[in-house]
C-alpha atoms as a PDB file:
ATOM      1  CA  MET A   1      28.939   1.602  13.834  1.00  0.00           C
ATOM      2  CA  THR A   2      25.204   1.932  13.333  1.00  0.00           C
ATOM      3  CA  ILE A   3      23.901   2.283   9.740  1.00  0.00           C
ATOM      4  CA  ILE A   4      20.550   4.967  10.066  1.00  0.00           C
ATOM      5  CA  ALA A   5      18.452   4.319   7.505  1.00  0.00           C
ATOM      6  CA  ALA A   6      14.759   4.972   6.284  1.00  0.00           C
ATOM      7  CA  ALA A   7      12.707   2.616   4.403  1.00  0.00           C
ATOM      8  CA  ASP A   8       9.069   3.419   2.398  1.00  0.00           C
ATOM      9  CA  GLY A   9       7.054   2.013  -0.486  1.00  0.00           C
ATOM     10  CA  SER A  10       4.473   3.750  -2.631  1.00  0.00           C
ATOM     11  CA  ALA A  11       1.661   2.353  -4.705  1.00  0.00           C
ATOM     12  CA  LEU A  12      -0.547   4.421  -6.791  1.00  0.00           C
ATOM     13  CA  GLY A  13      -3.595   3.574  -7.013  1.00  0.00           C
ATOM     14  CA  ASN A  14      -2.882   0.473  -4.530  1.00  0.00           C
ATOM     15  CA  PRO A  15      -2.689  -1.895  -5.880  1.00  0.00           C
ATOM     16  CA  GLY A  16      -0.984   0.083  -9.337  1.00  0.00           C
ATOM     17  CA  PRO A  17       2.703   1.526 -10.277  1.00  0.00           C
ATOM     18  CA  ALA A  18       4.363   0.712  -7.396  1.00  0.00           C
ATOM     19  CA  GLY A  19       8.341   1.788  -5.944  1.00  0.00           C
ATOM     20  CA  TRP A  20      10.312   1.345  -2.500  1.00  0.00           C
ATOM     21  CA  ALA A  21      13.695   3.145  -1.606  1.00  0.00           C
ATOM     22  CA  TRP A  22      15.921   3.119   1.357  1.00  0.00           C
ATOM     23  CA  TYR A  23      18.000   6.033   2.185  1.00  0.00           C
ATOM     24  CA  VAL A  24      20.558   6.898   4.282  1.00  0.00           C
ATOM     25  CA  ASP A  25      21.716  10.401   2.636  1.00  0.00           C
ATOM     26  CA  ASP A  26      22.206  11.671  -0.811  1.00  0.00           C
ATOM     27  CA  SER A  27      25.368   9.773  -1.628  1.00  0.00           C
ATOM     28  CA  CYS A  28      24.162   6.085   0.102  1.00  0.00           C
ATOM     29  CA  TRP A  29      20.521   5.670  -1.549  1.00  0.00           C
ATOM     30  CA  ARG A  30      18.113   2.789  -3.462  1.00  0.00           C
ATOM     31  CA  ALA A  31      15.193   2.471  -5.283  1.00  0.00           C
ATOM     32  CA  GLY A  32      13.502   0.461  -7.490  1.00  0.00           C
ATOM     33  CA  GLY A  33       9.939  -0.862  -8.124  1.00  0.00           C
ATOM     34  CA  TRP A  34       7.296  -2.523 -10.236  1.00  0.00           C
ATOM     35  CA  PRO A  35       4.492  -1.757 -12.946  1.00  0.00           C
ATOM     36  CA  HIS A  36       1.684  -3.048 -10.641  1.00  0.00           C
ATOM     37  CA  GLY A  37       2.135  -3.891  -6.704  1.00  0.00           C
ATOM     38  CA  THR A  38       0.607  -2.714  -3.453  1.00  0.00           C
ATOM     39  CA  ASN A  39       2.221  -0.328  -0.670  1.00  0.00           C
ATOM     40  CA  ASN A  40       3.297  -2.922   1.359  1.00  0.00           C
ATOM     41  CA  GLN A  41       4.673  -5.078  -0.965  1.00  0.00           C
ATOM     42  CA  GLY A  42       6.790  -1.484  -1.608  1.00  0.00           C
ATOM     43  CA  GLU A  43       7.129  -1.444   1.994  1.00  0.00           C
ATOM     44  CA  LEU A  44       9.077  -5.170   2.964  1.00  0.00           C
ATOM     45  CA  MET A  45      10.751  -4.872  -0.158  1.00  0.00           C
ATOM     46  CA  ALA A  46      12.591  -1.666   0.571  1.00  0.00           C
ATOM     47  CA  VAL A  47      13.428  -3.259   4.273  1.00  0.00           C
ATOM     48  CA  LEU A  48      14.454  -6.502   2.175  1.00  0.00           C
ATOM     49  CA  ASP A  49      16.778  -4.662  -0.392  1.00  0.00           C
ATOM     50  CA  LEU A  50      18.479  -2.509   2.570  1.00  0.00           C
ATOM     51  CA  PHE A  51      19.565  -6.246   4.369  1.00  0.00           C
ATOM     52  CA  ARG A  52      20.476  -7.252   1.264  1.00  0.00           C
ATOM     53  CA  SER A  53      23.024  -4.270   0.204  1.00  0.00           C
ATOM     54  CA  THR A  54      24.181  -4.447   3.403  1.00  0.00           C
ATOM     55  CA  ALA A  55      25.184  -8.131   3.846  1.00  0.00           C
ATOM     56  CA  HIS A  56      28.693  -7.602   3.196  1.00  0.00           C
ATOM     57  CA  VAL A  57      28.957  -5.355   6.877  1.00  0.00           C
ATOM     58  CA  PRO A  58      26.919  -7.989   8.801  1.00  0.00           C
ATOM     59  CA  GLN A  59      28.933  -6.608  11.506  1.00  0.00           C
ATOM     60  CA  GLU A  60      26.927  -2.934  11.444  1.00  0.00           C
ATOM     61  CA  GLU A  61      24.040  -2.608  13.286  1.00  0.00           C
ATOM     62  CA  LEU A  62      20.782  -1.435  11.400  1.00  0.00           C
ATOM     63  CA  LEU A  63      18.469   1.206  12.614  1.00  0.00           C
ATOM     64  CA  ILE A  64      15.576   0.906  10.113  1.00  0.00           C
ATOM     65  CA  LEU A  65      13.508   3.771  10.380  1.00  0.00           C
ATOM     66  CA  CYS A  66       9.547   2.458   8.939  1.00  0.00           C
ATOM     67  CA  ASP A  67       6.186   4.202   9.290  1.00  0.00           C
ATOM     68  CA  SER A  68       4.803   0.786   8.417  1.00  0.00           C
ATOM     69  CA  GLN A  69       3.498  -0.642  11.760  1.00  0.00           C
ATOM     70  CA  TYR A  70       2.502  -3.373   9.662  1.00  0.00           C
ATOM     71  CA  VAL A  71       6.216  -4.199   8.132  1.00  0.00           C
ATOM     72  CA  ILE A  72       7.295  -3.669  11.625  1.00  0.00           C
ATOM     73  CA  ASN A  73       4.790  -6.163  13.106  1.00  0.00           C
ATOM     74  CA  CYS A  74       5.470  -8.577  10.279  1.00  0.00           C
ATOM     75  CA  VAL A  75       9.543  -8.664  11.237  1.00  0.00           C
ATOM     76  CA  THR A  76       9.664  -8.670  14.424  1.00  0.00           C
ATOM     77  CA  LYS A  77       6.343 -10.162  15.736  1.00  0.00           C
ATOM     78  CA  TRP A  78       4.362 -11.760  13.679  1.00  0.00           C
ATOM     79  CA  MET A  79       6.677 -14.185  11.560  1.00  0.00           C
ATOM     80  CA  PRO A  80       8.004 -17.070  13.943  1.00  0.00           C
ATOM     81  CA  GLY A  81       4.352 -17.645  14.437  1.00  0.00           C
ATOM     82  CA  TRP A  82       3.541 -17.568  10.685  1.00  0.00           C
ATOM     83  CA  LYS A  83       6.421 -19.805  10.169  1.00  0.00           C
ATOM     84  CA  ARG A  84       5.571 -22.149  12.689  1.00  0.00           C
ATOM     85  CA  LYS A  85       1.852 -22.700  11.316  1.00  0.00           C
ATOM     86  CA  GLY A  86       3.118 -22.790   7.396  1.00  0.00           C
ATOM     87  CA  TRP A  87       3.043 -19.695   6.631  1.00  0.00           C
ATOM     88  CA  ARG A  88      -0.763 -19.478   7.491  1.00  0.00           C
ATOM     89  CA  LYS A  89      -2.179 -16.665   9.783  1.00  0.00           C
ATOM     90  CA  ALA A  90      -4.459 -17.908  13.067  1.00  0.00           C
ATOM     91  CA  ASP A  91      -7.331 -17.763  11.417  1.00  0.00           C
ATOM     92  CA  GLY A  92      -5.747 -20.323   8.845  1.00  0.00           C
ATOM     93  CA  LYS A  93      -5.555 -17.914   5.560  1.00  0.00           C
ATOM     94  CA  PRO A  94      -2.419 -17.950   4.147  1.00  0.00           C
ATOM     95  CA  VAL A  95      -0.015 -15.049   4.824  1.00  0.00           C
ATOM     96  CA  LEU A  96      -0.207 -12.209   2.051  1.00  0.00           C
ATOM     97  CA  ASN A  97       2.927 -11.205   0.241  1.00  0.00           C
ATOM     98  CA  VAL A  98       4.973 -14.579   1.408  1.00  0.00           C
ATOM     99  CA  ASP A  99       7.069 -14.952  -0.732  1.00  0.00           C
ATOM    100  CA  LEU A 100       8.769 -11.267   0.144  1.00  0.00           C
ATOM    101  CA  LEU A 101       8.361 -12.437   3.893  1.00  0.00           C
ATOM    102  CA  LYS A 102      10.344 -15.435   3.931  1.00  0.00           C
ATOM    103  CA  ASP A 103      13.294 -13.426   1.920  1.00  0.00           C
ATOM    104  CA  ILE A 104      13.342 -11.195   4.665  1.00  0.00           C
ATOM    105  CA  ASP A 105      13.548 -13.907   7.114  1.00  0.00           C
ATOM    106  CA  GLN A 106      16.638 -15.201   5.234  1.00  0.00           C
ATOM    107  CA  ALA A 107      18.056 -12.099   4.929  1.00  0.00           C
ATOM    108  CA  ILE A 108      18.244 -10.953   8.583  1.00  0.00           C
ATOM    109  CA  VAL A 109      19.867 -14.265  10.012  1.00  0.00           C
ATOM    110  CA  GLY A 110      23.066 -13.176  11.419  1.00  0.00           C
ATOM    111  CA  ARG A 111      21.951  -9.635  11.471  1.00  0.00           C
ATOM    112  CA  LYS A 112      21.959  -6.936  14.510  1.00  0.00           C
ATOM    113  CA  TYR A 113      19.046  -4.408  13.741  1.00  0.00           C
ATOM    114  CA  THR A 114      16.397  -2.488  15.113  1.00  0.00           C
ATOM    115  CA  PHE A 115      13.061  -1.068  14.123  1.00  0.00           C
ATOM    116  CA  GLU A 116      11.772   2.539  15.188  1.00  0.00           C
ATOM    117  CA  TRP A 117       8.607   3.731  14.047  1.00  0.00           C
ATOM    118  CA  VAL A 118       8.134   7.410  12.794  1.00  0.00           C
ATOM    119  CA  LYS A 119       4.918   8.942  11.260  1.00  0.00           C
ATOM    120  CA  GLY A 120       4.797   8.945   7.468  1.00  0.00           C
ATOM    121  CA  HIS A 121       4.439  12.640   5.978  1.00  0.00           C
ATOM    122  CA  ALA A 122       5.230  14.245   9.398  1.00  0.00           C
ATOM    123  CA  GLY A 123       8.591  16.491   8.246  1.00  0.00           C
ATOM    124  CA  HIS A 124      11.225  13.667   9.118  1.00  0.00           C
ATOM    125  CA  ASP A 125      14.075  14.296   6.908  1.00  0.00           C
ATOM    126  CA  LEU A 126      15.209  10.549   6.455  1.00  0.00           C
ATOM    127  CA  ASN A 127      11.611   9.263   5.543  1.00  0.00           C
ATOM    128  CA  GLU A 128      10.424  11.777   3.472  1.00  0.00           C
ATOM    129  CA  ALA A 129      13.587  11.496   1.266  1.00  0.00           C
ATOM    130  CA  ALA A 130      13.045   7.857   1.093  1.00  0.00           C
ATOM    131  CA  ASP A 131       9.235   8.402   0.596  1.00  0.00           C
ATOM    132  CA  GLU A 132       9.639  10.838  -2.316  1.00  0.00           C
ATOM    133  CA  ARG A 133      12.212   8.158  -4.362  1.00  0.00           C
ATOM    134  CA  ALA A 134       9.741   5.564  -3.805  1.00  0.00           C
ATOM    135  CA  ARG A 135       6.871   7.671  -5.319  1.00  0.00           C
ATOM    136  CA  ALA A 136       9.031   8.989  -8.030  1.00  0.00           C
ATOM    137  CA  VAL A 137       9.647   5.572  -9.040  1.00  0.00           C
ATOM    138  CA  ALA A 138       5.901   4.973  -8.910  1.00  0.00           C
ATOM    139  CA  THR A 139       5.122   7.586 -10.837  1.00  0.00           C
ATOM    140  CA  ALA A 140       8.320   6.868 -13.503  1.00  0.00           C
ATOM    141  CA  TYR A 141       6.548   3.657 -13.782  1.00  0.00           C
ATOM    142  CA  GLN A 142       2.958   5.096 -14.433  1.00  0.00           C
ATOM    143  CA  GLN A 143       4.343   7.603 -16.840  1.00  0.00           C
ATOM    144  CA  GLY A 144       6.426   4.978 -18.592  1.00  0.00           C
ATOM    145  CA  VAL A 145       9.629   6.396 -18.394  1.00  0.00           C
ATOM    146  CA  ALA A 146      12.593   5.346 -16.648  1.00  0.00           C
ATOM    147  CA  PRO A 147      13.291   5.346 -12.997  1.00  0.00           C
ATOM    148  CA  LYS A 148      16.056   6.786 -10.997  1.00  0.00           C
ATOM    149  CA  VAL A 149      17.334   3.737  -9.043  1.00  0.00           C
ATOM    150  CA  GLY A 150      20.187   5.354  -6.832  1.00  0.00           C
ATOM    151  CA  PRO A 151      23.858   5.301  -6.080  1.00  0.00           C
ATOM    152  CA  GLY A 152      22.819   1.864  -3.656  1.00  0.00           C
ATOM    153  CA  PHE A 153      25.347   1.477  -0.404  1.00  0.00           C
ATOM    154  CA  PRO A 154      29.534   1.604  -1.083  1.00  0.00           C
ATOM    155  CA  GLY A 155      30.446  -1.797  -1.668  1.00  0.00           C
ATOM    156  CA  ALA A 156      26.983  -3.487  -1.968  1.00  0.00           C
ATOM    157  CA  GLY A 157      28.362  -4.766  -5.197  1.00  0.00           C
ATOM    158  CA  GLN A 158      26.020  -6.748  -7.885  1.00  0.00           C
ATOM    159  CA  GLY A 159      24.235  -9.587  -5.397  1.00  0.00           C
ATOM    160  CA  ALA A 160      21.351  -7.272  -4.242  1.00  0.00           C
ATOM    161  CA  GLN A 161      20.792  -5.933  -8.012  1.00  0.00           C
ATOM    162  CA  ALA A 162      20.696  -9.250  -8.641  1.00  0.00           C
ATOM    163  CA  GLN A 163      18.431 -10.347  -6.028  1.00  0.00           C
ATOM    164  CA  GLN A 164      15.903  -7.280  -6.239  1.00  0.00           C
ATOM    165  CA  GLU A 165      14.991  -8.462  -9.720  1.00  0.00           C
ATOM    166  CA  SER A 166      14.145 -11.568  -9.287  1.00  0.00           C
ATOM    167  CA  HIS A 167      11.345  -9.730  -7.443  1.00  0.00           C
ATOM    168  CA  VAL A 168      10.082  -8.246 -10.965  1.00  0.00           C
ATOM    169  CA  GLN A 169       9.683 -11.847 -12.542  1.00  0.00           C
ATOM    170  CA  ALA A 170       6.652 -11.617 -12.081  1.00  0.00           C
ATOM    171  CA  ALA A 171       5.753  -8.272 -13.749  1.00  0.00           C
ATOM    172  CA  GLU A 172       7.764  -8.996 -16.359  1.00  0.00           C
ATOM    173  CA  PRO A 173       5.729 -10.957 -18.495  1.00  0.00           C
ATOM    174  CA  VAL A 174       3.174  -8.232 -18.613  1.00  0.00           C
ATOM    175  CA  ALA A 175       5.834  -6.058 -19.695  1.00  0.00           C
ATOM    176  CA  ALA A 176       6.786  -8.517 -22.135  1.00  0.00           C
ATOM    177  CA  ALA A 177       3.267  -8.900 -23.704  1.00  0.00           C
ATOM    178  CA  ALA A 178       2.965  -5.362 -24.146  1.00  0.00           C
ATOM    179  CA  SER A 179       6.114  -4.885 -26.029  1.00  0.00           C
ATOM    180  CA  ALA A 180       5.078  -7.652 -27.968  1.00  0.00           C
ATOM    181  CA  SER A 181       1.570  -6.215 -28.656  1.00  0.00           C
ATOM    182  CA  ALA A 182       3.427  -2.806 -29.168  1.00  0.00           C
ATOM    183  CA  GLY A 183       5.657  -4.115 -31.522  1.00  0.00           C
ATOM    184  CA  ILE A 184       8.296  -3.713 -29.389  1.00  0.00           C
ATOM    185  CA  PRO A 185      11.027  -6.349 -30.106  1.00  0.00           C
ATOM    186  CA  ALA A 186      12.859  -8.123 -27.644  1.00  0.00           C
ATOM    187  CA  GLY A 187      15.803  -6.733 -26.214  1.00  0.00           C
ATOM    188  CA  ALA A 188      14.408  -2.834 -26.263  1.00  0.00           C
ATOM    189  CA  SER A 189      14.977  -0.293 -23.351  1.00  0.00           C
ATOM    190  CA  ALA A 190      13.239  -1.185 -20.213  1.00  0.00           C
ATOM    191  CA  ALA A 191      11.933   2.475 -20.536  1.00  0.00           C
ATOM    192  CA  ALA A 192       9.927   1.162 -23.987  1.00  0.00           C
ATOM    193  CA  ALA A 193       9.051  -1.672 -22.150  1.00  0.00           C
ATOM    194  CA  VAL A 194       7.326  -0.062 -19.723  1.00  0.00           C
ATOM    195  CA  ASN A 195       5.771   2.233 -21.716  1.00  0.00           C
ATOM    196  CA  ALA A 196       4.397  -0.049 -23.268  1.00  0.00           C
ATOM    197  CA  ALA A 197       2.807  -1.920 -20.449  1.00  0.00           C
ATOM    198  CA  SER A 198       1.881   2.289 -19.551  1.00  0.00           C
ATOM    199  CA  THR A 199      -0.180   1.949 -23.173  1.00  0.00           C
ATOM    200  CA  LEU A 200      -1.294  -1.811 -22.729  1.00  0.00           C
ATOM    201  CA  ALA A 201      -2.502  -0.896 -19.233  1.00  0.00           C
ATOM    202  CA  LYS A 202      -4.756   2.015 -20.201  1.00  0.00           C
ATOM    203  CA  ALA A 203      -5.908   0.103 -23.630  1.00  0.00           C
ATOM    204  CA  GLY A 204      -6.961  -2.581 -20.938  1.00  0.00           C
ATOM    205  CA  ARG A 205      -8.684   0.031 -19.505  1.00  0.00           C
ATOM    206  CA  ALA A 206     -10.816   1.182 -22.491  1.00  0.00           C
ATOM    207  CA  MET A 207     -12.034  -2.658 -22.819  1.00  0.00           C
ATOM    208  CA  ARG A 208     -13.367  -3.470 -19.115  1.00  0.00           C
ATOM    209  CA  PRO A 209     -17.000  -4.164 -18.481  1.00  0.00           C
ATOM    210  CA  HIS A 210     -18.305  -1.617 -15.868  1.00  0.00           C
ATOM    211  CA  PHE A 211     -19.114  -2.844 -12.047  1.00  0.00           C
ATOM    212  CA  GLU A 212     -19.821  -0.941  -9.152  1.00  0.00           C
ATOM    213  CA  PRO A 213     -16.755   0.918  -8.351  1.00  0.00           C
ATOM    214  CA  THR A 214     -14.279  -0.730  -5.378  1.00  0.00           C
ATOM    215  CA  LEU A 215     -11.872   1.325  -3.856  1.00  0.00           C
ATOM    216  CA  PHE A 216      -7.887   0.195  -4.642  1.00  0.00           C
ATOM    217  CA  GLY A 217      -8.914  -1.716  -8.337  1.00  0.00           C
ATOM    218  CA  GLU A 218      -8.846  -5.529  -8.363  1.00  0.00           C
ATOM    219  CA  SER A 219     -10.925  -6.318  -5.306  1.00  0.00           C
ATOM    220  CA  GLY A 220     -12.362 -10.197  -6.256  1.00  0.00           C
ATOM    221  CA  ILE A 221     -12.597  -9.172 -10.409  1.00  0.00           C
ATOM    222  CA  PHE A 222      -9.420  -8.815 -11.996  1.00  0.00           C
ATOM    223  CA  GLY A 223      -9.968  -5.446 -14.222  1.00  0.00           C
ATOM    224  CA  GLN A 224     -12.672  -4.357 -12.136  1.00  0.00           C
ATOM    225  CA  ALA A 225     -13.133  -0.764 -12.343  1.00  0.00           C
ATOM    226  CA  ASP A 226     -12.393   1.569  -8.855  1.00  0.00           C
ATOM    227  CA  LEU A 227     -12.922   4.859  -7.884  1.00  0.00           C
ATOM    228  CA  PHE A 228      -9.106   6.087  -8.417  1.00  0.00           C
ATOM    229  CA  SER A 229      -8.224   4.868 -11.981  1.00  0.00           C
ATOM    230  CA  GLU A 230      -8.227   7.162 -14.803  1.00  0.00           C
ATOM    231  CA  LEU A 231     -11.785   7.852 -16.579  1.00  0.00           C
ATOM    232  CA  ASP A 232     -12.413   6.229 -19.781  1.00  0.00           C
ATOM    233  CA  ASP A 233     -12.772   8.434 -22.737  1.00  0.00           C
ATOM    234  CA  ASP A 234     -16.439   7.445 -22.757  1.00  0.00           C
ATOM    235  CA  ALA A 235     -19.239  10.016 -23.080  1.00  0.00           C
ATOM    236  CA  SER A 236     -21.204   8.223 -20.709  1.00  0.00           C
ATOM    237  CA  ALA A 237     -18.476   7.952 -18.018  1.00  0.00           C
ATOM    238  CA  GLN A 238     -19.744  10.480 -15.377  1.00  0.00           C
ATOM    239  CA  GLU A 239     -17.317  11.262 -12.439  1.00  0.00           C
ATOM    240  CA  LEU A 240     -18.762  10.301  -8.881  1.00  0.00           C
ATOM    241  CA  SER A 241     -19.166  13.769  -6.685  1.00  0.00           C
ATOM    242  CA  ALA A 242     -17.532  13.967  -3.480  1.00  0.00           C
ATOM    243  CA  GLU A 243     -20.247  13.164  -1.275  1.00  0.00           C
ATOM    244  CA  ASP A 244     -21.162  10.225  -3.389  1.00  0.00           C
ATOM    245  CA  THR A 245     -17.394   9.033  -3.976  1.00  0.00           C
ATOM    246  CA  VAL A 246     -17.187   9.150   0.671  1.00  0.00           C
ATOM    247  CA  LEU A 247     -20.036   7.244   0.829  1.00  0.00           C
ATOM    248  CA  ALA A 248     -19.310   4.592  -1.789  1.00  0.00           C
ATOM    249  CA  LEU A 249     -15.672   4.798   0.554  1.00  0.00           C
ATOM    250  CA  GLU A 250     -17.813   3.768   3.848  1.00  0.00           C
ATOM    251  CA  ARG A 251     -19.308   1.301   2.009  1.00  0.00           C
ATOM    252  CA  GLU A 252     -16.342  -0.385   1.364  1.00  0.00           C
ATOM    253  CA  LEU A 253     -14.705   0.184   4.930  1.00  0.00           C
ATOM    254  CA  LEU A 254     -17.388  -1.966   6.495  1.00  0.00           C
ATOM    255  CA  ARG A 255     -16.691  -5.123   4.434  1.00  0.00           C
ATOM    256  CA  PRO A 256     -14.562  -7.874   6.073  1.00  0.00           C
ATOM    257  CA  ASP A 257     -12.489  -8.217   2.970  1.00  0.00           C
ATOM    258  CA  VAL A 258     -11.656  -5.027   2.981  1.00  0.00           C
ATOM    259  CA  ARG A 259     -10.775  -4.639   6.763  1.00  0.00           C
ATOM    260  CA  ALA A 260      -8.535  -7.512   7.180  1.00  0.00           C
ATOM    261  CA  ASP A 261      -5.955  -6.016   3.763  1.00  0.00           C
ATOM    262  CA  ILE A 262      -3.952  -3.870   5.660  1.00  0.00           C
ATOM    263  CA  GLY A 263      -2.805  -1.744   2.650  1.00  0.00           C
ATOM    264  CA  ARG A 264      -6.366  -0.956   1.719  1.00  0.00           C
ATOM    265  CA  ILE A 265      -6.990   0.005   5.539  1.00  0.00           C
ATOM    266  CA  GLY A 266      -3.637   1.925   5.149  1.00  0.00           C
ATOM    267  CA  ILE A 267      -4.989   3.945   2.213  1.00  0.00           C
ATOM    268  CA  LEU A 268      -8.676   4.278   3.724  1.00  0.00           C
ATOM    269  CA  LEU A 269      -7.209   5.571   6.891  1.00  0.00           C
ATOM    270  CA  HIS A 270      -5.275   9.398   7.374  1.00  0.00           C
ATOM    271  CA  PRO A 271      -2.136   9.259   9.173  1.00  0.00           C
ATOM    272  CA  ASP A 272      -3.835  11.019  12.257  1.00  0.00           C
ATOM    273  CA  PHE A 273      -7.286   8.898  12.199  1.00  0.00           C
ATOM    274  CA  ALA A 274      -9.085   7.918  15.598  1.00  0.00           C
ATOM    275  CA  GLU A 275     -11.830   6.556  16.759  1.00  0.00           C
ATOM    276  CA  ILE A 276     -14.297   6.953  19.529  1.00  0.00           C
ATOM    277  CA  GLY A 277     -15.378   2.967  20.232  1.00  0.00           C
ATOM    278  CA  SER A 278     -18.975   2.483  21.010  1.00  0.00           C
ATOM    279  CA  SER A 279     -17.593   1.025  24.442  1.00  0.00           C
ATOM    280  CA  GLY A 280     -15.976   4.350  24.426  1.00  0.00           C
ATOM    281  CA  ARG A 281     -12.351   2.949  23.736  1.00  0.00           C
ATOM    282  CA  PHE A 282      -9.544   5.356  21.986  1.00  0.00           C
ATOM    283  CA  TRP A 283      -8.500   4.196  18.707  1.00  0.00           C
ATOM    284  CA  THR A 284      -5.384   5.253  16.663  1.00  0.00           C
ATOM    285  CA  ARG A 285      -4.873   4.229  13.188  1.00  0.00           C
ATOM    286  CA  ASP A 286      -2.078   1.625  13.964  1.00  0.00           C
ATOM    287  CA  ALA A 287      -3.983   0.229  16.964  1.00  0.00           C
ATOM    288  CA  MET A 288      -7.247   0.148  14.530  1.00  0.00           C
ATOM    289  CA  MET A 289      -5.183  -1.267  11.652  1.00  0.00           C
ATOM    290  CA  MET A 290      -3.438  -4.316  14.182  1.00  0.00           C
ATOM    291  CA  ALA A 291      -7.017  -5.453  15.415  1.00  0.00           C
ATOM    292  CA  LEU A 292      -8.603  -5.328  12.067  1.00  0.00           C
ATOM    293  CA  GLU A 293      -5.817  -7.550  10.150  1.00  0.00           C
ATOM    294  CA  GLU A 294      -7.154 -10.125  12.642  1.00  0.00           C
ATOM    295  CA  ASP A 295     -10.665  -9.922  13.487  1.00  0.00           C
ATOM    296  CA  PRO A 296     -12.156  -7.976  10.457  1.00  0.00           C
ATOM    297  CA  GLY A 297     -15.182  -8.190  12.018  1.00  0.00           C
ATOM    298  CA  GLU A 298     -18.806  -9.177  10.085  1.00  0.00           C
ATOM    299  CA  PRO A 299     -20.522  -8.134   7.162  1.00  0.00           C
ATOM    300  CA  THR A 300     -22.147  -4.621   7.862  1.00  0.00           C
ATOM    301  CA  GLU A 301     -24.916  -2.826   5.733  1.00  0.00           C
ATOM    302  CA  LEU A 302     -25.601   1.520   6.360  1.00  0.00           C
ATOM    303  CA  GLU A 303     -28.721   3.213   6.044  1.00  0.00           C
ATOM    304  CA  LEU A 304     -27.309   6.931   5.215  1.00  0.00           C
ATOM    305  CA  LEU A 305     -28.797   9.656   7.230  1.00  0.00           C
ATOM    306  CA  SER A 306     -26.769  13.012   5.930  1.00  0.00           C
ATOM    307  CA  ALA A 307     -23.365  13.694   4.229  1.00  0.00           C
ATOM    308  CA  ASP A 308     -22.840  17.305   4.854  1.00  0.00           C
ATOM    309  CA  ARG A 309     -19.852  19.317   3.221  1.00  0.00           C
ATOM    310  CA  LEU A 310     -18.432  20.883   5.993  1.00  0.00           C
ATOM    311  CA  SER A 311     -15.078  22.552   3.564  1.00  0.00           C
ATOM    312  CA  ASP A 312     -14.387  21.960   0.320  1.00  0.00           C
ATOM    313  CA  ASN A 313     -12.536  19.106   1.637  1.00  0.00           C
ATOM    314  CA  THR A 314     -13.974  17.916   4.540  1.00  0.00           C
ATOM    315  CA  ILE A 315     -17.298  15.741   4.655  1.00  0.00           C
ATOM    316  CA  LEU A 316     -19.133  14.703   7.463  1.00  0.00           C
ATOM    317  CA  LEU A 317     -21.350  11.203   7.053  1.00  0.00           C
ATOM    318  CA  ASN A 318     -24.171  10.563   9.798  1.00  0.00           C
ATOM    319  CA  TYR A 319     -25.422   7.017   9.344  1.00  0.00           C
ATOM    320  CA  ARG A 320     -27.368   3.927  10.973  1.00  0.00           C
ATOM    321  CA  SER A 321     -24.965   0.239  10.270  1.00  0.00           C
ATOM    322  CA  PHE A 322     -26.961  -2.973  10.513  1.00  0.00           C
ATOM    323  CA  ALA A 323     -25.163  -5.806  11.671  1.00  0.00           C
ATOM    324  CA  HIS A 324     -26.061  -9.317  13.290  1.00  0.00           C
ATOM    325  CA  THR A 325     -25.023  -8.490  16.139  1.00  0.00           C
ATOM    326  CA  GLY A 326     -27.504  -5.410  16.001  1.00  0.00           C
ATOM    327  CA  SER A 327     -27.717  -1.144  14.644  1.00  0.00           C
ATOM    328  CA  ALA A 328     -25.516   1.343  15.757  1.00  0.00           C
ATOM    329  CA  LEU A 329     -25.476   5.334  15.282  1.00  0.00           C
ATOM    330  CA  ARG A 330     -21.965   6.202  13.314  1.00  0.00           C
ATOM    331  CA  SER A 331     -20.212   9.240  12.252  1.00  0.00           C
ATOM    332  CA  SER A 332     -17.477   9.566   9.857  1.00  0.00           C
ATOM    333  CA  VAL A 333     -15.408  12.808   9.159  1.00  0.00           C
ATOM    334  CA  TRP A 334     -13.432  11.741   5.424  1.00  0.00           C
ATOM    335  CA  ILE A 335     -10.473  14.665   4.481  1.00  0.00           C
ATOM    336  CA  LEU A 336      -9.338  14.995   1.375  1.00  0.00           C
ATOM    337  CA  ASP A 337      -5.659  14.512   1.664  1.00  0.00           C
ATOM    338  CA  ARG A 338      -3.139  14.788  -1.284  1.00  0.00           C
ATOM    339  CA  GLY A 339      -6.135  13.945  -4.032  1.00  0.00           C
ATOM    340  CA  GLN A 340      -7.730  10.881  -2.118  1.00  0.00           C
ATOM    341  CA  TRP A 341     -10.615  10.979   0.303  1.00  0.00           C
ATOM    342  CA  ARG A 342      -9.006   9.288   3.717  1.00  0.00           C
ATOM    343  CA  LEU A 343     -11.225   8.694   6.618  1.00  0.00           C
ATOM    344  CA  ARG A 344     -10.275  11.555   9.847  1.00  0.00           C
ATOM    345  CA  PHE A 345     -12.099  10.580  12.790  1.00  0.00           C
ATOM    346  CA  HIS A 346     -15.026   8.062  13.432  1.00  0.00           C
ATOM    347  CA  GLN A 347     -17.542   7.438  16.429  1.00  0.00           C
ATOM    348  CA  GLY A 348     -20.343   4.938  16.857  1.00  0.00           C
ATOM    349  CA  THR A 349     -22.792   4.197  19.282  1.00  0.00           C
ATOM    350  CA  VAL A 350     -24.926   1.139  19.487  1.00  0.00           C
ATOM    351  CA  GLU A 351     -28.622   1.315  19.803  1.00  0.00           C
ATOM    352  CA  ASN A 352     -30.679   0.038  22.814  1.00  0.00           C
END
């Protein structure tokens, strides 16, 4: 018998309130999350918990449906090399999410499994069900209510639950501090603690210094304001126009540290992203993400030529980019996807 399950993760703001879920059917699924995490952490945790929840039936093969090429490549391609190098990448930098990856590496020993990539948000029943549950947990943490965790896998017992809780220990001090600050005694309900953490986080945002907007929150300086944060109640706070927002996102995309972060790139690039490079090569989203993870390129500046609003949810940027290797003329089409601007198409031509 083959167990067919979809695994997915979600992070509101990435990083932000995060959730994960795996789904077999309505009577067999599980979800969890943290007050603060990334989309990739959610994706990895969903896979890890699926292996742990089925550890009591090791003879059964797992077919894991996953919309994250990052997770699939981590488990099926990259982990052996990372282990040989002491869990470091080819450039010598530490592997991200190494604790989760090490736990997955242990959980898959002796197991029969296959990963199958499925396109996210494309109507695949199992993928949509896992995504819905992961997003619901992230939303619950955002709103300070108790998340629905599901029935789990039949016969799994408490082992998987106990192991999964070890991965929220890093978040527990935050919730505990929030509870203390909010006057909630130790031993109060999880929902009360999460609600306190949410309240403290909102209060903390009001005390943060304002820096130049960055894409997804805590990049470089903890607490740095980001484009997707809630606006403070300060009357001087002004929301960026759609054109300015897209231009800021494009500038972020040209930074090597952002391009090397698959979590950020996964949010920046639309699921149907395509690029025609200066060499004439056609790039898909997955191919681009894998290439950037290995070689994020050099710092690049841009000179805006035009920002045209093609429709309410489509903006075309034309600009000239400058790097040590030369300049290029570039065009980017950004579309508004479920409340976030994402890059749908890009093309570049090197200038002589």
